Amino acid sequence: MTVEDALIKYLAEVTPTKAKKSTQKSERGSAKSIIPNIGQFFMQH
């Protein structure tokens, strides 16, 4: 799984559960900045 895959999943499953719309917007904006820079890297566990 890449960082981009993980962020997309997080944005789809977790972000919508956040109470504040401003938090949701902030998380989407952060992901937009992160994905082009490190989204292609694979995650290991």
Protein backbone atom coordinates (compact mmCIF):
# COMPACT_ATOMS: atom_id res chain seq x y z
CA MET A 1 0.00 0.00 0.00
CA THR A 2 1.34 3.42 -0.91
CA VAL A 3 1.03 6.55 1.18
CA GLU A 4 -1.46 7.82 -1.40
CA ASP A 5 -3.59 4.66 -1.05
CA ALA A 6 -3.61 5.03 2.73
CA LEU A 7 -4.54 8.70 2.59
CA ILE A 8 -7.36 8.10 0.11
CA LYS A 9 -8.74 5.36 2.34
CA TYR A 10 -8.43 7.59 5.42
CA LEU A 11 -10.16 10.47 3.66
CA ALA A 12 -13.00 8.19 2.57
CA GLU A 13 -13.49 6.32 5.84
CA VAL A 14 -12.32 8.52 8.71
CA THR A 15 -12.47 12.15 7.63
CA PRO A 16 -16.26 12.14 7.09
CA THR A 17 -16.73 11.06 10.72
CA LYS A 18 -15.05 14.18 12.06
CA ALA A 19 -17.51 16.48 13.79
CA LYS A 20 -16.12 19.77 12.55
CA LYS A 21 -16.35 20.61 8.87
CA SER A 22 -13.21 22.70 9.28
CA THR A 23 -11.27 19.62 10.38
CA GLN A 24 -12.53 17.69 7.36
CA LYS A 25 -11.47 20.52 5.07
CA SER A 26 -8.07 20.77 6.75
CA GLU A 27 -7.41 17.04 6.40
CA ARG A 28 -8.32 17.12 2.72
CA GLY A 29 -6.00 20.07 2.18
CA SER A 30 -3.15 18.36 3.98
CA ALA A 31 -3.58 15.23 1.91
CA LYS A 32 -3.56 17.32 -1.27
CA SER A 33 -0.13 18.63 -0.28
CA ILE A 34 1.27 15.28 0.84
CA ILE A 35 0.20 13.06 -2.05
CA PRO A 36 2.26 14.74 -4.80
CA ASN A 37 5.37 14.74 -2.60
CA ILE A 38 5.42 11.32 -0.95
CA GLY A 39 2.30 9.55 -2.20
CA GLN A 40 4.24 7.15 -4.39
CA PHE A 41 6.19 5.63 -1.49
CA PHE A 42 5.22 2.24 -0.15
CA MET A 43 4.34 1.76 3.49
CA GLN A 44 5.60 -1.20 5.51
CA HIS A 45 4.34 -2.54 8.80
